[in-house]
Amino acid sequence: MQKWSVGVRPKEYETKTVEDVYNTVEEVDTKEYEDPDYFYDELGRVRRTEKRMAKKVPVIATPPPIPPPMTPTHIAIHNPKNSTSKRWKIACVSATVTLLAVFILATILSFFFFVSSASSFQKESYGLPRPSMESSLLSKRSDMEITPNHLLTLLITKRKICILEAASGDEFKSRDAFSLDHIESARLIFHSNMSHAGVPVHPLQFQRFARSQGIDNDCHVIVYDRGQMIWSAYTVWIFKLFGHQKVSLLSGGYLGWKTHQARSGQYKTEQGDAPGKPRQGDFLASWNDSVIITYDDVLLNTEIDNFDVVDAQTKEEFLGTAQGALYGHIKGARNIPVDAVYDWAVGQWKAADHLKGLFNNNALSLRKPVIVYCSTSLRSAMVWWALTRSGYNGKIYFGGWPEWVVRAPDGLKVIGTTSES
């Protein structure tokens, strides 16, 4: 019996294939006849050897042919979902914290700002002086009013100015008076060129008229009348309404100019109509809603109370005791007639201190805009001019009492001797 060592393969298995080891059936090469050459000659021995060797050589299968290269029919794009990194999360948290801190800081600063504003408003209500407001009043006053001496200086130095004489309601008398005598280089402007029944004309219509009078955007418009002041104040308001930047009212009007002419011949006047046809101006009209207000805005103000309301009618018209029409006033309005702001006896506006006391007595605040109305906007223009000259933000309700008495609810109008509730 042959002994086997561990890990050593017997020699008799080295020349055998797997099939020989596990094949228990012995193959017998049986011939149909006895061939002695197969067993005994040299050729038979070689054949037997080749047969045994063929069994030992493993048969290697022929590999399959290489397939032809394939042409891609579409492209597949793989777009995996981006994962949120920790750095991005930290940036988002930092931004959120920063915005929250800014919001808290802004809230604190706003609180202190409103507290300081309320305290300053309280000081103003007790009549304490405000230097910055005084300086603004002086600048507004200098822009809106010009003295005869100042006008003479502008004429001598040949500055770019446009002098207009505002005609009264009687155009024929105004034309005759202008032909007899008027300030040097002045031109006559009629009320119908600016308004129809108290309603301002269309901006393009006024632009066409202003250009026909040689008015440019950069010229200094100076307006005067024959002493009534009501027509010149309305003309100044119209120019402001249609966007002209620099418009002034001549203090004292034509009568003030003639008074200075009696002292010096430099204050010249002319006779006849305006000399020749002026060149075409380049004035460009616009709509300045900071000086005008409509019925809907006044009606809304009765609920939100953003404006003070001033009635420029006479005291009798305000109370509804005047004869000839249905008079009254808007509920909550204060009555400041034209006589309270202009001295007709001397032909001058009331002093600045008088106007300041008048407006304070009527509880008007410089921090609150003022609505002014009457029946035709003419008297409203005078009170508006006095308010603006004193530093108030005035707006004219051009529809006035005639529109309010027709359209407003009964509870918002006071007619006759009816007392306000």
Protein backbone atom coordinates (compact mmCIF):
# COMPACT_ATOMS: atom_id res chain seq x y z
CA MET A 1 0.00 0.00 0.00
CA GLN A 2 1.37 3.38 -1.03
CA LYS A 3 1.74 6.03 1.61
CA TRP A 4 0.57 9.60 0.93
CA SER A 5 2.15 12.63 2.40
CA VAL A 6 0.16 15.68 3.41
CA GLY A 7 0.23 18.34 0.72
CA VAL A 8 2.00 16.02 -1.79
CA ARG A 9 0.14 14.83 -4.83
CA PRO A 10 0.86 11.27 -5.98
CA LYS A 11 2.89 11.01 -9.14
CA GLU A 12 0.35 8.86 -10.83
CA TYR A 13 -2.08 11.80 -10.80
CA GLU A 14 0.32 14.31 -12.35
CA THR A 15 -0.24 13.09 -15.91
CA LYS A 16 -3.95 12.57 -15.58
CA THR A 17 -6.67 15.04 -16.43
CA VAL A 18 -9.71 15.77 -14.36
CA GLU A 19 -11.77 13.47 -16.51
CA ASP A 20 -9.26 10.62 -15.96
CA VAL A 21 -9.34 11.03 -12.20
CA TYR A 22 -13.10 11.01 -11.84
CA ASN A 23 -13.87 8.65 -14.71
CA THR A 24 -14.51 5.14 -13.32
CA VAL A 25 -15.34 3.62 -16.66
CA GLU A 26 -12.30 2.42 -18.53
CA GLU A 27 -12.41 3.10 -22.17
CA VAL A 28 -11.48 0.15 -24.36
CA ASP A 29 -10.40 0.74 -27.88
CA THR A 30 -12.13 -2.20 -29.40
CA LYS A 31 -11.42 -3.06 -32.97
CA GLU A 32 -13.70 -4.96 -35.24
CA TYR A 33 -10.75 -7.14 -36.26
CA GLU A 34 -7.39 -8.05 -34.85
CA ASP A 35 -4.74 -5.72 -36.24
CA PRO A 36 -1.33 -6.97 -35.21
CA ASP A 37 0.36 -3.85 -36.52
CA TYR A 38 -1.61 -1.74 -34.03
CA PHE A 39 0.00 -3.55 -31.13
CA TYR A 40 3.39 -4.69 -32.39
CA ASP A 41 4.87 -2.45 -35.02
CA GLU A 42 6.39 0.98 -34.49
CA LEU A 43 3.57 2.85 -36.18
CA GLY A 44 1.01 1.42 -33.82
CA ARG A 45 3.10 2.37 -30.85
CA VAL A 46 3.29 5.99 -32.07
CA ARG A 47 -0.45 6.12 -32.58
CA ARG A 48 -1.08 4.85 -29.10
CA THR A 49 1.28 7.43 -27.67
CA GLU A 50 -0.42 10.27 -29.60
CA LYS A 51 -3.79 9.11 -28.39
CA ARG A 52 -2.67 9.19 -24.78
CA MET A 53 -1.10 12.63 -25.18
CA ALA A 54 -4.26 14.00 -26.78
CA LYS A 55 -6.17 13.10 -23.65
CA LYS A 56 -3.70 15.06 -21.47
CA VAL A 57 -3.75 18.36 -23.51
CA PRO A 58 -6.71 20.51 -22.48
CA VAL A 59 -8.87 21.76 -25.28
CA ILE A 60 -8.88 25.54 -25.47
CA ALA A 61 -12.13 26.94 -26.75
CA THR A 62 -11.92 29.44 -29.56
CA PRO A 63 -12.81 32.92 -28.23
CA PRO A 64 -15.85 34.60 -29.74
CA PRO A 65 -15.27 37.27 -32.37
CA ILE A 66 -14.90 40.89 -31.20
CA PRO A 67 -18.16 42.75 -31.78
CA PRO A 68 -18.07 45.94 -33.90
CA PRO A 69 -18.00 49.27 -32.03
CA MET A 70 -21.45 50.56 -31.11
CA THR A 71 -22.62 54.06 -32.04
CA PRO A 72 -24.35 55.87 -29.12
CA THR A 73 -27.94 56.90 -29.86
CA HIS A 74 -28.37 59.33 -26.91
CA ILE A 75 -26.40 60.87 -24.09
CA ALA A 76 -27.42 60.21 -20.53
CA ILE A 77 -26.51 63.00 -18.13
CA HIS A 78 -26.29 62.10 -14.54
CA ASN A 79 -27.12 65.07 -12.29
CA PRO A 80 -27.11 63.94 -8.71
CA LYS A 81 -28.77 66.17 -6.14
CA ASN A 82 -26.29 68.49 -4.52
CA SER A 83 -25.97 67.80 -0.89
CA THR A 84 -26.02 70.70 1.53
CA SER A 85 -22.64 71.25 3.02
CA LYS A 86 -22.03 72.28 6.58
CA ARG A 87 -20.32 75.47 5.44
CA TRP A 88 -23.42 76.58 3.54
CA LYS A 89 -25.60 75.92 6.57
CA ILE A 90 -23.30 77.99 8.75
CA ALA A 91 -23.44 80.87 6.24
CA CYS A 92 -27.26 80.82 6.23
CA VAL A 93 -27.43 80.84 10.01
CA SER A 94 -24.93 83.72 10.19
CA ALA A 95 -26.89 85.79 7.65
CA THR A 96 -30.15 85.20 9.55
CA VAL A 97 -28.61 86.27 12.84
CA THR A 98 -27.12 89.39 11.20
CA LEU A 99 -30.43 90.45 9.68
CA LEU A 100 -32.20 89.93 12.98
CA ALA A 101 -29.63 92.07 14.77
CA VAL A 102 -29.97 94.85 12.17
CA PHE A 103 -33.76 94.77 12.48
CA ILE A 104 -33.60 95.05 16.27
CA LEU A 105 -31.12 97.93 16.04
CA ALA A 106 -33.27 99.77 13.47
CA THR A 107 -36.33 99.34 15.70
CA ILE A 108 -34.51 100.83 18.68
CA LEU A 109 -33.22 103.79 16.65
CA SER A 110 -36.69 104.44 15.20
CA PHE A 111 -38.17 104.45 18.68
CA PHE A 112 -35.70 107.08 19.90
CA PHE A 113 -36.25 109.13 16.73
CA PHE A 114 -40.02 109.26 17.19
CA VAL A 115 -39.62 110.10 20.86
CA SER A 116 -37.33 113.03 20.01
CA SER A 117 -39.71 114.18 17.25
CA ALA A 118 -42.64 114.10 19.64
CA SER A 119 -40.73 116.13 22.21
CA SER A 120 -39.73 118.74 19.63
CA PHE A 121 -43.33 118.95 18.42
CA GLN A 122 -44.46 119.48 22.00
CA LYS A 123 -41.95 122.29 22.41
CA GLU A 124 -43.23 123.91 19.25
CA SER A 125 -46.82 123.74 20.47
CA TYR A 126 -45.80 125.67 23.59
CA GLY A 127 -44.40 128.45 21.40
CA LEU A 128 -40.66 127.88 21.90
CA PRO A 129 -38.50 129.44 19.16
CA ARG A 130 -36.99 127.34 16.38
CA PRO A 131 -34.05 129.02 14.63
CA SER A 132 -34.01 126.66 11.64
CA MET A 133 -37.66 127.38 10.93
CA GLU A 134 -37.04 131.12 11.04
CA SER A 135 -34.31 130.83 8.42
CA SER A 136 -36.57 128.78 6.15
CA LEU A 137 -39.31 131.37 6.51
CA LEU A 138 -36.93 134.12 5.44
CA SER A 139 -35.88 132.18 2.35
CA LYS A 140 -39.49 131.48 1.35
CA ARG A 141 -40.43 135.11 1.94
CA SER A 142 -37.58 136.37 -0.24
CA ASP A 143 -38.55 134.00 -3.04
CA MET A 144 -42.24 134.89 -3.04
CA GLU A 145 -42.10 138.67 -2.61
CA ILE A 146 -39.97 141.30 -4.32
CA THR A 147 -39.75 145.00 -3.50
CA PRO A 148 -39.81 147.83 -6.07
CA ASN A 149 -36.19 148.61 -5.23
CA HIS A 150 -35.19 145.02 -5.97
CA LEU A 151 -37.11 145.04 -9.24
CA LEU A 152 -35.36 148.26 -10.29
CA THR A 153 -32.00 146.60 -9.64
CA LEU A 154 -32.95 143.66 -11.84
CA LEU A 155 -34.01 146.01 -14.64
CA ILE A 156 -30.81 148.07 -14.47
CA THR A 157 -28.57 144.99 -14.46
CA LYS A 158 -30.61 143.52 -17.33
CA ARG A 159 -31.41 140.26 -15.62
CA LYS A 160 -33.70 137.74 -17.29
CA ILE A 161 -37.09 138.74 -15.91
CA CYS A 162 -40.68 138.64 -17.17
CA ILE A 163 -42.98 141.32 -15.71
CA LEU A 164 -46.71 140.60 -15.89
CA GLU A 165 -49.63 142.81 -14.92
CA ALA A 166 -52.60 140.73 -13.77
CA ALA A 167 -55.86 142.12 -15.14
CA SER A 168 -58.96 142.40 -12.98
CA GLY A 169 -62.31 140.76 -13.66
CA ASP A 170 -63.23 143.58 -16.05
CA GLU A 171 -60.89 142.93 -18.97
CA PHE A 172 -61.90 146.07 -20.90
CA LYS A 173 -61.11 148.43 -18.03
CA SER A 174 -57.90 146.57 -17.35
CA ARG A 175 -56.82 146.91 -20.98
CA ASP A 176 -57.56 150.64 -20.98
CA ALA A 177 -55.69 151.19 -17.72
CA PHE A 178 -52.72 149.23 -19.01
CA SER A 179 -52.61 151.31 -22.20
CA LEU A 180 -52.57 154.53 -20.20
CA ASP A 181 -49.64 153.53 -18.02
CA HIS A 182 -47.83 150.41 -16.84
CA ILE A 183 -44.44 149.36 -15.49
CA GLU A 184 -41.62 149.29 -18.00
CA SER A 185 -41.52 146.13 -20.21
CA ALA A 186 -44.63 144.65 -18.53
CA ARG A 187 -47.24 142.57 -20.36
CA LEU A 188 -50.93 142.15 -19.56
CA ILE A 189 -52.31 138.75 -18.53
CA PHE A 190 -56.06 138.16 -18.24
CA HIS A 191 -57.85 135.94 -15.77
CA SER A 192 -59.40 133.97 -18.64
CA ASN A 193 -55.89 132.95 -19.73
CA MET A 194 -55.52 131.05 -16.45
CA SER A 195 -58.94 129.93 -15.24
CA HIS A 196 -62.54 129.31 -16.23
CA ALA A 197 -65.15 129.70 -13.47
CA GLY A 198 -62.54 129.07 -10.79
CA VAL A 199 -61.13 125.94 -12.45
CA PRO A 200 -57.55 126.16 -13.80
CA VAL A 201 -57.13 125.73 -17.54
CA HIS A 202 -55.39 122.73 -19.04
CA PRO A 203 -51.58 122.78 -18.59
CA LEU A 204 -50.97 122.70 -22.34
CA GLN A 205 -53.30 125.65 -22.85
CA PHE A 206 -51.43 127.67 -20.26
CA GLN A 207 -48.10 126.57 -21.71
CA ARG A 208 -49.11 127.86 -25.13
CA PHE A 209 -50.14 131.21 -23.66
CA ALA A 210 -46.98 131.57 -21.55
CA ARG A 211 -44.77 130.85 -24.55
CA SER A 212 -46.64 133.44 -26.59
CA GLN A 213 -45.64 135.98 -23.93
CA GLY A 214 -41.95 135.05 -24.26
CA ILE A 215 -41.75 133.25 -20.91
CA ASP A 216 -38.95 130.71 -20.50
CA ASN A 217 -38.34 128.10 -17.85
CA ASP A 218 -35.40 129.99 -16.38
CA CYS A 219 -36.80 133.52 -16.36
CA HIS A 220 -37.86 135.23 -13.14
CA VAL A 221 -41.61 135.94 -13.38
CA ILE A 222 -42.70 139.05 -11.44
CA VAL A 223 -46.44 139.70 -11.09
CA TYR A 224 -48.31 142.81 -9.96
CA ASP A 225 -51.80 144.30 -10.26
CA ARG A 226 -53.45 147.68 -9.76
CA GLY A 227 -53.62 147.38 -5.98
CA GLN A 228 -56.27 144.70 -5.46
CA MET A 229 -53.65 141.98 -4.81
CA ILE A 230 -56.30 139.33 -5.31
CA TRP A 231 -55.54 139.00 -9.05
CA SER A 232 -51.77 139.00 -8.73
CA ALA A 233 -51.83 136.44 -5.89
CA TYR A 234 -53.97 134.13 -8.01
CA THR A 235 -51.57 134.54 -10.95
CA VAL A 236 -48.62 133.59 -8.74
CA TRP A 237 -50.50 130.46 -7.61
CA ILE A 238 -51.29 129.51 -11.22
CA PHE A 239 -47.63 129.75 -12.21
CA LYS A 240 -46.70 127.62 -9.20
CA LEU A 241 -49.42 125.13 -10.11
CA PHE A 242 -48.07 124.73 -13.64
CA GLY A 243 -44.53 124.15 -12.46
CA HIS A 244 -42.66 127.44 -12.85
CA GLN A 245 -39.80 127.48 -10.37
CA LYS A 246 -39.31 131.19 -9.69
CA VAL A 247 -42.35 133.45 -9.36
CA SER A 248 -42.54 136.56 -7.17
CA LEU A 249 -45.22 139.04 -6.19
CA LEU A 250 -44.33 142.73 -6.43
CA SER A 251 -44.84 144.27 -3.01
CA GLY A 252 -47.27 147.19 -3.25
CA GLY A 253 -48.08 146.44 -6.88
CA TYR A 254 -48.49 149.22 -9.41
CA LEU A 255 -49.32 151.79 -6.73
CA GLY A 256 -46.14 151.00 -4.83
CA TRP A 257 -44.10 151.41 -8.02
CA LYS A 258 -45.72 154.79 -8.71
CA THR A 259 -44.94 155.90 -5.16
CA HIS A 260 -41.25 155.20 -5.76
CA GLN A 261 -41.47 156.89 -9.16
CA ALA A 262 -42.49 160.13 -7.45
CA ARG A 263 -39.17 160.06 -5.61
CA SER A 264 -36.92 158.92 -8.46
CA GLY A 265 -37.23 158.95 -12.22
CA GLN A 266 -35.48 155.58 -12.44
CA TYR A 267 -38.78 153.83 -11.69
CA LYS A 268 -39.98 154.08 -15.26
CA THR A 269 -43.41 153.42 -16.72
CA GLU A 270 -44.65 153.11 -20.29
CA GLN A 271 -47.79 153.94 -22.22
CA GLY A 272 -49.62 152.04 -24.91
CA ASP A 273 -49.83 148.34 -25.47
CA ALA A 274 -46.93 145.96 -25.02
CA PRO A 275 -44.16 146.79 -27.52
CA GLY A 276 -44.32 144.38 -30.46
CA LYS A 277 -44.81 140.67 -30.48
CA PRO A 278 -42.41 138.90 -28.11
CA ARG A 279 -40.27 136.00 -29.18
CA GLN A 280 -41.55 132.49 -28.57
CA GLY A 281 -40.65 131.23 -25.10
CA ASP A 282 -39.71 127.70 -24.10
CA PHE A 283 -41.76 127.34 -20.89
CA LEU A 284 -42.70 123.70 -20.26
CA ALA A 285 -45.84 123.32 -18.14
CA SER A 286 -46.36 120.54 -15.61
CA TRP A 287 -48.82 119.79 -12.80
CA ASN A 288 -47.61 120.65 -9.30
CA ASP A 289 -49.96 118.75 -6.98
CA SER A 290 -48.25 120.22 -3.90
CA VAL A 291 -50.34 123.42 -4.19
CA ILE A 292 -53.72 122.00 -5.20
CA ILE A 293 -56.22 119.50 -3.84
CA THR A 294 -59.46 117.98 -5.13
CA TYR A 295 -62.86 117.12 -3.70
CA ASP A 296 -61.99 113.46 -3.12
CA ASP A 297 -58.93 114.42 -1.09
CA VAL A 298 -60.91 116.86 1.05
CA LEU A 299 -63.61 114.23 1.60
CA LEU A 300 -61.00 111.69 2.68
CA ASN A 301 -59.48 114.23 5.05
CA THR A 302 -62.72 114.32 7.04
CA GLU A 303 -61.88 110.76 8.11
CA ILE A 304 -58.08 110.71 8.46
CA ASP A 305 -57.53 114.40 9.43
CA ASN A 306 -54.16 114.84 7.70
CA PHE A 307 -54.84 118.50 6.82
CA ASP A 308 -56.06 121.60 8.60
CA VAL A 309 -58.89 123.31 6.72
CA VAL A 310 -59.16 127.10 6.34
CA ASP A 311 -62.18 128.94 4.93
CA ALA A 312 -61.24 132.22 3.21
CA GLN A 313 -64.80 133.54 2.91
CA THR A 314 -66.10 136.50 4.84
CA LYS A 315 -67.40 135.94 8.34
CA GLU A 316 -71.02 136.31 7.15
CA GLU A 317 -70.52 133.78 4.36
CA PHE A 318 -68.78 131.39 6.74
CA LEU A 319 -71.67 131.55 9.21
CA GLY A 320 -74.25 131.34 6.43
CA THR A 321 -75.92 134.66 7.24
CA ALA A 322 -74.92 136.40 3.98
CA GLN A 323 -77.67 137.05 1.46
CA GLY A 324 -77.87 136.09 -2.19
CA ALA A 325 -76.79 132.42 -2.10
CA LEU A 326 -76.62 129.34 0.07
CA TYR A 327 -73.56 130.02 2.20
CA GLY A 328 -71.85 127.97 4.88
CA HIS A 329 -68.61 126.09 5.42
CA ILE A 330 -66.99 122.67 5.57
CA LYS A 331 -67.39 121.02 8.93
CA GLY A 332 -64.30 121.58 11.06
CA ALA A 333 -62.91 124.49 8.99
CA ARG A 334 -61.40 127.64 10.54
CA ASN A 335 -62.42 131.01 9.16
CA ILE A 336 -59.53 133.29 8.10
CA PRO A 337 -60.92 135.95 5.73
CA VAL A 338 -58.78 138.00 3.37
CA ASP A 339 -59.13 141.09 5.57
CA ALA A 340 -57.18 139.27 8.29
CA VAL A 341 -54.06 138.88 6.12
CA TYR A 342 -54.10 142.05 3.96
CA ASP A 343 -54.51 145.69 4.99
CA TRP A 344 -56.61 147.30 2.27
CA ALA A 345 -56.25 150.79 3.74
CA VAL A 346 -52.49 150.97 3.19
CA GLY A 347 -52.28 148.39 0.41
CA GLN A 348 -49.87 146.08 2.23
CA TRP A 349 -49.80 142.61 3.69
CA LYS A 350 -50.10 142.31 7.43
CA ALA A 351 -46.84 142.09 9.35
CA ALA A 352 -45.17 138.71 9.75
CA ASP A 353 -45.68 138.72 13.54
CA HIS A 354 -49.37 139.46 13.08
CA LEU A 355 -49.77 136.60 10.60
CA LYS A 356 -47.89 134.21 12.86
CA GLY A 357 -50.15 135.04 15.79
CA LEU A 358 -53.24 134.78 13.57
CA PHE A 359 -52.35 131.30 12.39
CA ASN A 360 -51.37 130.13 15.87
CA ASN A 361 -54.68 131.36 17.28
CA ASN A 362 -56.45 129.22 14.69
CA ALA A 363 -54.47 126.16 15.81
CA LEU A 364 -52.54 125.79 12.56
CA SER A 365 -49.33 123.80 12.83
CA LEU A 366 -46.29 124.23 10.60
CA ARG A 367 -45.97 120.44 10.54
CA LYS A 368 -49.42 119.93 9.08
CA PRO A 369 -50.46 121.01 5.55
CA VAL A 370 -53.39 123.37 5.18
CA ILE A 371 -56.35 123.22 2.79
CA VAL A 372 -57.66 126.65 1.76
CA TYR A 373 -60.95 127.23 -0.03
CA CYS A 374 -63.52 129.92 -0.78
CA SER A 375 -66.10 130.24 -3.55
CA THR A 376 -63.91 131.14 -6.57
CA SER A 377 -60.28 130.40 -5.52
CA LEU A 378 -59.40 134.11 -5.75
CA ARG A 379 -59.60 134.85 -2.04
CA SER A 380 -58.13 131.42 -1.35
CA ALA A 381 -55.06 132.48 -3.34
CA MET A 382 -54.47 135.46 -1.04
CA VAL A 383 -54.73 133.36 2.13
CA TRP A 384 -52.61 130.66 0.47
CA TRP A 385 -49.95 133.26 -0.35
CA ALA A 386 -49.93 134.51 3.26
CA LEU A 387 -49.66 130.94 4.58
CA THR A 388 -46.84 130.05 2.18
CA ARG A 389 -45.03 133.29 2.98
CA SER A 390 -45.22 132.32 6.67
CA GLY A 391 -43.78 128.85 6.08
CA TYR A 392 -46.94 126.74 5.85
CA ASN A 393 -47.62 124.13 3.19
CA GLY A 394 -50.87 125.35 1.68
CA LYS A 395 -53.09 123.68 -0.91
CA ILE A 396 -56.06 125.31 -2.63
CA TYR A 397 -59.29 123.36 -3.00
CA PHE A 398 -60.34 124.96 -6.28
CA GLY A 399 -63.85 123.46 -6.23
CA GLY A 400 -64.48 125.34 -3.01
CA TRP A 401 -67.77 125.77 -1.23
CA PRO A 402 -69.95 125.65 -4.42
CA GLU A 403 -68.79 122.09 -5.13
CA TRP A 404 -68.84 120.98 -1.50
CA VAL A 405 -72.40 122.14 -0.85
CA VAL A 406 -73.61 120.08 -3.82
CA ARG A 407 -71.56 116.89 -3.52
CA ALA A 408 -70.65 116.46 0.14
CA PRO A 409 -72.83 114.49 2.59
CA ASP A 410 -75.12 116.61 4.72
CA GLY A 411 -73.24 115.75 7.88
CA LEU A 412 -70.02 117.31 6.53
CA LYS A 413 -71.37 120.76 5.65
CA VAL A 414 -72.61 123.52 7.91
CA ILE A 415 -75.29 125.66 6.29
CA GLY A 416 -76.90 128.78 7.71
CA THR A 417 -76.97 129.06 11.47
CA THR A 418 -76.73 125.29 12.02
CA SER A 419 -74.31 124.58 14.83
CA GLU A 420 -71.58 121.99 14.44
CA SER A 421 -71.96 118.84 16.50
